[in-house]
């Protein structure tokens, strides 16, 4: 774990809200010289604390109206089976997130599709084709109450 000082926490908070802020504006906001600010940001990037920058897209405006959470129980829990599952899941663009979890299920997926029919096709043609999947539990979201990409820094 990397220990962050208050200035780096402030930089990260601002960049999580608006990664397209100019270095000059960022420097003004945190009260440092632009050169010092840029040096801190570069160190955060090279250390891997900042993994990258993205544009957040409104899924509904691009026709991806359905968000589905999928719990998966595996039949086989061998290392090879888990690696094979992970490799297959990573190749599916509909899967936004895949978490290997503890408890009575093995994986939790976040899947986005155009509609329920598109999810049905995904589940039957892609998900069911992965070896060693046992049971699949599907939860369609009715509404998203909170969705955040920012990591709390306090």
N, C-alpha and C. Protein backbone atom coordinates (compact mmCIF):
# COMPACT_ATOMS: atom_id res chain seq x y z
N UNK A 1 0.84 -1.18 0.00
CA UNK A 1 0.00 0.00 0.00
C UNK A 1 0.88 1.24 0.00
N UNK A 2 0.52 2.20 -0.81
CA UNK A 2 1.26 3.45 -0.90
C UNK A 2 0.61 4.48 0.01
N UNK A 3 1.42 5.18 0.77
CA UNK A 3 0.94 6.24 1.64
C UNK A 3 0.83 7.52 0.81
N UNK A 4 -0.33 8.13 0.80
CA UNK A 4 -0.56 9.35 0.04
C UNK A 4 -0.61 10.55 0.98
N UNK A 5 0.07 11.63 0.59
CA UNK A 5 -0.05 12.85 1.38
C UNK A 5 -1.33 13.59 0.96
N UNK A 6 -1.66 14.63 1.69
CA UNK A 6 -2.92 15.35 1.44
C UNK A 6 -2.98 15.96 0.04
N UNK A 7 -1.85 16.42 -0.48
CA UNK A 7 -1.85 17.02 -1.82
C UNK A 7 -2.13 15.96 -2.87
N UNK A 8 -1.49 14.80 -2.76
CA UNK A 8 -1.77 13.73 -3.73
C UNK A 8 -3.21 13.25 -3.63
N UNK A 9 -3.76 13.20 -2.43
CA UNK A 9 -5.17 12.82 -2.28
C UNK A 9 -6.07 13.83 -2.98
N UNK A 10 -5.73 15.12 -2.84
CA UNK A 10 -6.52 16.17 -3.49
C UNK A 10 -6.41 16.04 -5.01
N UNK A 11 -5.20 15.81 -5.52
CA UNK A 11 -4.99 15.61 -6.95
C UNK A 11 -5.85 14.44 -7.44
N UNK A 12 -5.78 13.32 -6.75
CA UNK A 12 -6.55 12.14 -7.16
C UNK A 12 -8.06 12.39 -7.11
N UNK A 13 -8.52 13.09 -6.09
CA UNK A 13 -9.95 13.40 -5.99
C UNK A 13 -10.41 14.24 -7.17
N UNK A 14 -9.62 15.25 -7.51
CA UNK A 14 -9.97 16.12 -8.63
C UNK A 14 -9.95 15.35 -9.95
N UNK A 15 -8.89 14.57 -10.16
CA UNK A 15 -8.79 13.81 -11.42
C UNK A 15 -9.87 12.75 -11.54
N UNK A 16 -10.33 12.19 -10.43
CA UNK A 16 -11.43 11.22 -10.49
C UNK A 16 -12.73 11.89 -10.91
N UNK A 17 -12.88 13.16 -10.58
CA UNK A 17 -14.07 13.91 -10.97
C UNK A 17 -13.96 14.43 -12.40
N UNK A 18 -12.75 14.87 -12.79
CA UNK A 18 -12.56 15.49 -14.09
C UNK A 18 -11.13 15.23 -14.57
N UNK A 19 -10.94 14.15 -15.26
CA UNK A 19 -9.59 13.80 -15.70
C UNK A 19 -9.11 14.65 -16.87
N UNK A 20 -10.00 15.44 -17.45
CA UNK A 20 -9.59 16.29 -18.57
C UNK A 20 -9.20 17.69 -18.13
N UNK A 21 -9.13 17.93 -16.82
CA UNK A 21 -8.70 19.23 -16.31
C UNK A 21 -7.27 19.50 -16.77
N UNK A 22 -7.01 20.73 -17.13
CA UNK A 22 -5.64 21.06 -17.55
C UNK A 22 -4.72 21.06 -16.34
N UNK A 23 -3.46 20.84 -16.59
CA UNK A 23 -2.47 20.86 -15.51
C UNK A 23 -2.46 22.23 -14.83
N UNK A 24 -2.63 23.28 -15.63
CA UNK A 24 -2.64 24.64 -15.09
C UNK A 24 -3.81 24.84 -14.11
N UNK A 25 -5.00 24.40 -14.52
CA UNK A 25 -6.17 24.53 -13.64
C UNK A 25 -6.04 23.64 -12.41
N UNK A 26 -5.48 22.44 -12.59
CA UNK A 26 -5.26 21.56 -11.45
C UNK A 26 -4.30 22.21 -10.46
N UNK A 27 -3.23 22.79 -10.98
CA UNK A 27 -2.24 23.45 -10.12
C UNK A 27 -2.87 24.60 -9.34
N UNK A 28 -3.70 25.40 -10.00
CA UNK A 28 -4.39 26.52 -9.32
C UNK A 28 -5.29 25.99 -8.22
N UNK A 29 -6.02 24.93 -8.50
CA UNK A 29 -6.97 24.38 -7.53
C UNK A 29 -6.28 23.86 -6.28
N UNK A 30 -5.12 23.22 -6.43
CA UNK A 30 -4.45 22.64 -5.27
C UNK A 30 -3.40 23.58 -4.67
N UNK A 31 -3.11 24.69 -5.37
CA UNK A 31 -2.18 25.68 -4.81
C UNK A 31 -0.71 25.36 -4.99
N UNK A 32 -0.37 24.64 -6.06
CA UNK A 32 1.03 24.35 -6.36
C UNK A 32 1.39 24.94 -7.72
N UNK A 33 2.68 25.02 -7.99
CA UNK A 33 3.15 25.44 -9.30
C UNK A 33 2.82 24.36 -10.32
N UNK A 34 2.56 24.74 -11.56
CA UNK A 34 2.24 23.74 -12.59
C UNK A 34 3.31 22.66 -12.74
N UNK A 35 4.58 23.02 -12.66
CA UNK A 35 5.65 22.03 -12.81
C UNK A 35 5.60 21.00 -11.68
N UNK A 36 5.38 21.46 -10.45
CA UNK A 36 5.29 20.55 -9.31
C UNK A 36 4.07 19.65 -9.41
N UNK A 37 2.98 20.24 -9.88
CA UNK A 37 1.74 19.46 -10.04
C UNK A 37 1.93 18.38 -11.09
N UNK A 38 2.52 18.75 -12.23
CA UNK A 38 2.75 17.77 -13.30
C UNK A 38 3.67 16.66 -12.83
N UNK A 39 4.68 17.00 -12.06
CA UNK A 39 5.61 16.00 -11.53
C UNK A 39 4.87 15.02 -10.61
N UNK A 40 3.99 15.53 -9.77
CA UNK A 40 3.22 14.66 -8.87
C UNK A 40 2.30 13.73 -9.67
N UNK A 41 1.62 14.28 -10.68
CA UNK A 41 0.71 13.46 -11.49
C UNK A 41 1.50 12.38 -12.21
N UNK A 42 2.65 12.73 -12.78
CA UNK A 42 3.48 11.73 -13.47
C UNK A 42 3.93 10.62 -12.51
N UNK A 43 4.29 10.99 -11.27
CA UNK A 43 4.68 9.97 -10.29
C UNK A 43 3.50 9.07 -9.93
N UNK A 44 2.30 9.64 -9.83
CA UNK A 44 1.11 8.84 -9.55
C UNK A 44 0.83 7.88 -10.71
N UNK A 45 1.10 8.32 -11.93
CA UNK A 45 0.90 7.46 -13.10
C UNK A 45 1.96 6.36 -13.15
N UNK A 46 3.23 6.71 -13.00
CA UNK A 46 4.29 5.71 -13.13
C UNK A 46 4.27 4.70 -11.99
N UNK A 47 3.77 5.11 -10.83
CA UNK A 47 3.67 4.16 -9.71
C UNK A 47 2.48 3.22 -9.86
N UNK A 48 1.61 3.51 -10.81
CA UNK A 48 0.44 2.66 -11.04
C UNK A 48 -0.77 3.04 -10.21
N UNK A 49 -0.66 4.08 -9.39
CA UNK A 49 -1.83 4.54 -8.63
C UNK A 49 -2.89 5.05 -9.60
N UNK A 50 -2.46 5.84 -10.57
CA UNK A 50 -3.36 6.22 -11.67
C UNK A 50 -3.13 5.19 -12.77
N UNK A 51 -4.18 4.38 -13.02
CA UNK A 51 -4.04 3.30 -14.00
C UNK A 51 -4.34 3.77 -15.42
N UNK A 52 -5.08 4.85 -15.57
CA UNK A 52 -5.43 5.34 -16.90
C UNK A 52 -6.54 6.36 -16.81
N UNK A 53 -6.96 6.84 -17.95
CA UNK A 53 -8.02 7.84 -18.04
C UNK A 53 -9.06 7.33 -19.02
N UNK A 54 -10.33 7.56 -18.70
CA UNK A 54 -11.41 7.08 -19.56
C UNK A 54 -12.51 8.14 -19.69
N UNK A 55 -13.31 7.98 -20.73
CA UNK A 55 -14.53 8.76 -20.88
C UNK A 55 -15.67 7.89 -20.38
N UNK A 56 -16.51 8.40 -19.51
CA UNK A 56 -17.65 7.64 -19.03
C UNK A 56 -18.82 7.85 -19.99
N UNK A 57 -19.36 6.75 -20.48
CA UNK A 57 -20.39 6.79 -21.51
C UNK A 57 -21.74 6.45 -20.89
N UNK A 58 -22.77 7.19 -21.27
CA UNK A 58 -24.13 6.89 -20.81
C UNK A 58 -24.64 5.70 -21.61
N UNK A 59 -24.71 4.53 -20.95
CA UNK A 59 -25.05 3.30 -21.66
C UNK A 59 -26.41 3.35 -22.32
N UNK A 60 -27.38 4.00 -21.71
CA UNK A 60 -28.72 4.04 -22.29
C UNK A 60 -28.75 4.87 -23.57
N UNK A 61 -27.94 5.93 -23.61
CA UNK A 61 -27.92 6.78 -24.81
C UNK A 61 -27.28 6.10 -26.00
N UNK A 62 -26.54 5.02 -25.76
CA UNK A 62 -25.95 4.28 -26.88
C UNK A 62 -26.66 2.94 -27.09
N UNK A 63 -27.83 2.80 -26.50
CA UNK A 63 -28.65 1.62 -26.77
C UNK A 63 -28.37 0.41 -25.90
N UNK A 64 -27.64 0.58 -24.80
CA UNK A 64 -27.36 -0.54 -23.88
C UNK A 64 -28.23 -0.34 -22.64
N UNK A 65 -29.51 -0.66 -22.76
CA UNK A 65 -30.48 -0.31 -21.74
C UNK A 65 -30.51 -1.26 -20.54
N UNK A 66 -29.96 -2.45 -20.68
CA UNK A 66 -30.10 -3.47 -19.64
C UNK A 66 -28.77 -3.71 -18.93
N UNK A 67 -28.81 -3.62 -17.60
CA UNK A 67 -27.68 -4.01 -16.77
C UNK A 67 -28.09 -5.25 -16.01
N UNK A 68 -27.24 -6.26 -16.05
CA UNK A 68 -27.54 -7.55 -15.44
C UNK A 68 -26.39 -7.95 -14.52
N UNK A 69 -26.72 -8.41 -13.34
CA UNK A 69 -25.71 -9.00 -12.46
C UNK A 69 -25.93 -10.51 -12.52
N UNK A 70 -24.84 -11.22 -12.68
CA UNK A 70 -24.92 -12.67 -12.87
C UNK A 70 -24.01 -13.34 -11.85
N UNK A 71 -24.58 -14.23 -11.05
CA UNK A 71 -23.79 -15.05 -10.13
C UNK A 71 -23.58 -16.40 -10.78
N UNK A 72 -22.36 -16.89 -10.69
CA UNK A 72 -22.03 -18.17 -11.32
C UNK A 72 -21.42 -19.11 -10.28
N UNK A 73 -21.93 -20.32 -10.26
CA UNK A 73 -21.34 -21.40 -9.47
C UNK A 73 -20.67 -22.37 -10.43
N UNK A 74 -19.43 -22.67 -10.16
CA UNK A 74 -18.67 -23.58 -11.02
C UNK A 74 -18.88 -25.03 -10.58
N UNK A 75 -18.80 -25.94 -11.54
CA UNK A 75 -18.84 -27.37 -11.24
C UNK A 75 -17.47 -27.82 -10.77
N UNK A 76 -16.45 -27.34 -11.45
CA UNK A 76 -15.08 -27.74 -11.18
C UNK A 76 -14.31 -26.52 -10.65
N UNK A 77 -13.63 -26.68 -9.54
CA UNK A 77 -12.92 -25.55 -8.91
C UNK A 77 -11.40 -25.68 -9.04
N UNK A 78 -10.94 -26.45 -10.00
CA UNK A 78 -9.50 -26.60 -10.20
C UNK A 78 -8.91 -25.29 -10.72
N UNK A 79 -7.62 -25.14 -10.54
CA UNK A 79 -6.93 -23.94 -11.01
C UNK A 79 -7.09 -23.79 -12.53
N UNK A 80 -6.99 -24.89 -13.26
CA UNK A 80 -7.14 -24.82 -14.71
C UNK A 80 -8.54 -24.38 -15.11
N UNK A 81 -9.54 -24.88 -14.41
CA UNK A 81 -10.92 -24.51 -14.70
C UNK A 81 -11.15 -23.02 -14.44
N UNK A 82 -10.64 -22.53 -13.34
CA UNK A 82 -10.79 -21.11 -12.99
C UNK A 82 -10.06 -20.24 -14.02
N UNK A 83 -8.84 -20.64 -14.39
CA UNK A 83 -8.08 -19.88 -15.41
C UNK A 83 -8.81 -19.88 -16.75
N UNK A 84 -9.36 -21.03 -17.14
CA UNK A 84 -10.09 -21.13 -18.40
C UNK A 84 -11.32 -20.25 -18.38
N UNK A 85 -12.07 -20.29 -17.28
CA UNK A 85 -13.25 -19.44 -17.14
C UNK A 85 -12.85 -17.98 -17.24
N UNK A 86 -11.81 -17.58 -16.51
CA UNK A 86 -11.37 -16.18 -16.50
C UNK A 86 -10.97 -15.72 -17.90
N UNK A 87 -10.25 -16.56 -18.63
CA UNK A 87 -9.83 -16.23 -19.99
C UNK A 87 -11.04 -16.05 -20.91
N UNK A 88 -12.01 -16.97 -20.80
CA UNK A 88 -13.21 -16.87 -21.63
C UNK A 88 -14.03 -15.63 -21.31
N UNK A 89 -14.23 -15.35 -20.03
CA UNK A 89 -15.03 -14.19 -19.62
C UNK A 89 -14.36 -12.90 -20.06
N UNK A 90 -13.04 -12.82 -19.95
CA UNK A 90 -12.31 -11.60 -20.33
C UNK A 90 -12.50 -11.27 -21.81
N UNK A 91 -12.83 -12.26 -22.63
CA UNK A 91 -12.99 -12.03 -24.07
C UNK A 91 -14.40 -11.56 -24.45
N UNK A 92 -15.32 -11.51 -23.50
CA UNK A 92 -16.71 -11.16 -23.81
C UNK A 92 -16.95 -9.66 -23.57
N UNK A 93 -17.20 -8.90 -24.62
CA UNK A 93 -17.37 -7.45 -24.45
C UNK A 93 -18.59 -7.05 -23.63
N UNK A 94 -19.59 -7.91 -23.55
CA UNK A 94 -20.79 -7.61 -22.75
C UNK A 94 -20.49 -7.58 -21.26
N UNK A 95 -19.43 -8.27 -20.85
CA UNK A 95 -19.07 -8.36 -19.43
C UNK A 95 -18.19 -7.16 -19.08
N UNK A 96 -18.73 -6.26 -18.27
CA UNK A 96 -17.98 -5.08 -17.85
C UNK A 96 -17.09 -5.38 -16.65
N UNK A 97 -17.55 -6.26 -15.78
CA UNK A 97 -16.80 -6.62 -14.58
C UNK A 97 -16.98 -8.10 -14.31
N UNK A 98 -15.93 -8.70 -13.77
CA UNK A 98 -15.99 -10.09 -13.31
C UNK A 98 -15.20 -10.16 -12.02
N UNK A 99 -15.86 -10.63 -10.97
CA UNK A 99 -15.23 -10.74 -9.65
C UNK A 99 -15.26 -12.19 -9.20
N UNK A 100 -14.11 -12.71 -8.80
CA UNK A 100 -14.03 -14.03 -8.17
C UNK A 100 -14.36 -13.79 -6.70
N UNK A 101 -15.42 -14.39 -6.21
CA UNK A 101 -15.95 -14.04 -4.89
C UNK A 101 -15.92 -15.23 -3.93
N UNK A 102 -16.00 -14.90 -2.66
CA UNK A 102 -16.11 -15.92 -1.61
C UNK A 102 -17.60 -16.14 -1.31
N UNK A 103 -17.92 -17.29 -0.79
CA UNK A 103 -19.31 -17.60 -0.45
C UNK A 103 -19.80 -18.79 -1.25
N UNK A 104 -21.11 -18.92 -1.37
CA UNK A 104 -21.65 -20.10 -2.04
C UNK A 104 -21.67 -19.97 -3.57
N UNK A 105 -21.37 -18.79 -4.10
CA UNK A 105 -21.21 -18.60 -5.54
C UNK A 105 -19.72 -18.35 -5.79
N UNK A 106 -19.29 -18.52 -7.03
CA UNK A 106 -17.87 -18.39 -7.35
C UNK A 106 -17.51 -17.08 -8.05
N UNK A 107 -18.41 -16.60 -8.91
CA UNK A 107 -18.13 -15.38 -9.67
C UNK A 107 -19.35 -14.48 -9.69
N UNK A 108 -19.08 -13.18 -9.76
CA UNK A 108 -20.12 -12.18 -9.93
C UNK A 108 -19.76 -11.35 -11.15
N UNK A 109 -20.68 -11.29 -12.11
CA UNK A 109 -20.46 -10.54 -13.34
C UNK A 109 -21.39 -9.35 -13.41
N UNK A 110 -20.92 -8.29 -14.03
CA UNK A 110 -21.77 -7.17 -14.41
C UNK A 110 -21.79 -7.17 -15.93
N UNK A 111 -22.99 -7.31 -16.49
CA UNK A 111 -23.17 -7.46 -17.93
C UNK A 111 -24.09 -6.36 -18.42
N UNK A 112 -23.79 -5.81 -19.60
CA UNK A 112 -24.63 -4.79 -20.20
C UNK A 112 -25.02 -5.24 -21.60
N UNK A 113 -26.33 -5.18 -21.89
CA UNK A 113 -26.82 -5.53 -23.23
C UNK A 113 -27.89 -4.54 -23.67
N UNK A 114 -28.28 -4.67 -24.93
CA UNK A 114 -29.29 -3.78 -25.50
C UNK A 114 -30.67 -4.00 -24.86
N UNK A 115 -31.01 -5.27 -24.67
CA UNK A 115 -32.35 -5.61 -24.16
C UNK A 115 -32.32 -7.03 -23.60
N UNK A 116 -33.46 -7.49 -23.13
CA UNK A 116 -33.52 -8.82 -22.53
C UNK A 116 -33.24 -9.91 -23.57
N UNK A 117 -33.71 -9.72 -24.78
CA UNK A 117 -33.43 -10.71 -25.83
C UNK A 117 -31.93 -10.80 -26.10
N UNK A 118 -31.24 -9.69 -26.12
CA UNK A 118 -29.78 -9.71 -26.32
C UNK A 118 -29.09 -10.42 -25.16
N UNK A 119 -29.61 -10.23 -23.95
CA UNK A 119 -29.04 -10.96 -22.81
C UNK A 119 -29.29 -12.46 -22.95
N UNK A 120 -30.48 -12.83 -23.39
CA UNK A 120 -30.81 -14.26 -23.57
C UNK A 120 -29.83 -14.90 -24.56
N UNK A 121 -29.56 -14.21 -25.64
CA UNK A 121 -28.62 -14.72 -26.65
C UNK A 121 -27.22 -14.82 -26.04
N UNK A 122 -26.81 -13.79 -25.30
CA UNK A 122 -25.51 -13.81 -24.63
C UNK A 122 -25.42 -15.02 -23.69
N UNK A 123 -26.45 -15.21 -22.86
CA UNK A 123 -26.44 -16.29 -21.87
C UNK A 123 -26.40 -17.66 -22.53
N UNK A 124 -27.17 -17.86 -23.59
CA UNK A 124 -27.23 -19.16 -24.24
C UNK A 124 -26.05 -19.44 -25.16
N UNK A 125 -25.64 -18.45 -25.93
CA UNK A 125 -24.60 -18.68 -26.94
C UNK A 125 -23.18 -18.47 -26.43
N UNK A 126 -23.00 -17.58 -25.48
CA UNK A 126 -21.65 -17.27 -25.03
C UNK A 126 -21.36 -17.82 -23.63
N UNK A 127 -22.20 -17.47 -22.69
CA UNK A 127 -21.96 -17.88 -21.30
C UNK A 127 -22.07 -19.39 -21.14
N UNK A 128 -23.11 -19.97 -21.67
CA UNK A 128 -23.33 -21.41 -21.53
C UNK A 128 -22.27 -22.24 -22.26
N UNK A 129 -21.54 -21.62 -23.18
CA UNK A 129 -20.50 -22.34 -23.92
C UNK A 129 -19.20 -22.49 -23.13
N UNK A 130 -19.09 -21.79 -22.01
CA UNK A 130 -17.87 -21.86 -21.20
C UNK A 130 -17.92 -23.15 -20.36
N UNK A 131 -16.88 -23.97 -20.45
CA UNK A 131 -16.87 -25.24 -19.70
C UNK A 131 -16.89 -25.03 -18.18
N UNK A 132 -17.44 -25.99 -17.48
CA UNK A 132 -17.43 -26.09 -16.02
C UNK A 132 -18.34 -25.10 -15.29
N UNK A 133 -19.19 -24.38 -16.02
CA UNK A 133 -20.17 -23.54 -15.35
C UNK A 133 -21.30 -24.44 -14.86
N UNK A 134 -21.65 -24.30 -13.60
CA UNK A 134 -22.74 -25.06 -13.03
C UNK A 134 -24.04 -24.28 -13.13
N UNK A 135 -24.33 -23.55 -12.08
CA UNK A 135 -25.58 -22.78 -12.03
C UNK A 135 -25.30 -21.32 -12.34
N UNK A 136 -26.28 -20.69 -12.98
CA UNK A 136 -26.21 -19.27 -13.32
C UNK A 136 -27.44 -18.59 -12.73
N UNK A 137 -27.21 -17.54 -11.95
CA UNK A 137 -28.29 -16.78 -11.32
C UNK A 137 -28.26 -15.38 -11.91
N UNK A 138 -29.39 -14.95 -12.47
CA UNK A 138 -29.45 -13.68 -13.19
C UNK A 138 -30.34 -12.69 -12.46
N UNK A 139 -29.83 -11.45 -12.32
CA UNK A 139 -30.57 -10.37 -11.68
C UNK A 139 -30.58 -9.16 -12.61
N UNK A 140 -31.77 -8.78 -13.09
CA UNK A 140 -31.90 -7.61 -13.94
C UNK A 140 -32.10 -6.39 -13.05
N UNK A 141 -31.37 -5.33 -13.32
CA UNK A 141 -31.55 -4.12 -12.51
C UNK A 141 -32.78 -3.37 -12.99
N UNK A 142 -33.53 -2.84 -12.03
CA UNK A 142 -34.69 -2.01 -12.34
C UNK A 142 -34.29 -0.55 -12.43
N UNK A 143 -33.35 -0.16 -11.58
CA UNK A 143 -32.88 1.23 -11.53
C UNK A 143 -31.51 1.23 -10.86
N UNK A 144 -30.69 2.17 -11.23
CA UNK A 144 -29.39 2.33 -10.59
C UNK A 144 -29.47 3.50 -9.63
N UNK A 145 -29.35 3.22 -8.36
CA UNK A 145 -29.44 4.25 -7.32
C UNK A 145 -28.13 5.00 -7.19
N UNK A 146 -27.03 4.26 -7.25
CA UNK A 146 -25.71 4.89 -7.15
C UNK A 146 -24.75 4.13 -8.04
N UNK A 147 -23.98 4.88 -8.79
CA UNK A 147 -22.92 4.32 -9.61
C UNK A 147 -21.77 5.29 -9.59
N UNK A 148 -20.66 4.85 -9.04
CA UNK A 148 -19.53 5.75 -8.88
C UNK A 148 -18.27 5.07 -9.37
N UNK A 149 -17.38 5.85 -9.96
CA UNK A 149 -16.09 5.33 -10.37
C UNK A 149 -14.99 5.83 -9.44
N UNK A 150 -15.31 6.78 -8.58
CA UNK A 150 -14.32 7.37 -7.70
C UNK A 150 -14.04 6.50 -6.48
N UNK A 151 -12.76 6.35 -6.14
CA UNK A 151 -12.35 5.61 -4.95
C UNK A 151 -12.23 6.60 -3.81
N UNK A 152 -12.88 6.35 -2.66
CA UNK A 152 -12.75 7.26 -1.50
C UNK A 152 -11.30 7.32 -1.03
N UNK A 153 -10.82 8.51 -0.77
CA UNK A 153 -9.42 8.69 -0.40
C UNK A 153 -9.20 9.11 1.05
N UNK A 154 -10.26 9.18 1.83
CA UNK A 154 -10.08 9.59 3.23
C UNK A 154 -9.94 8.41 4.15
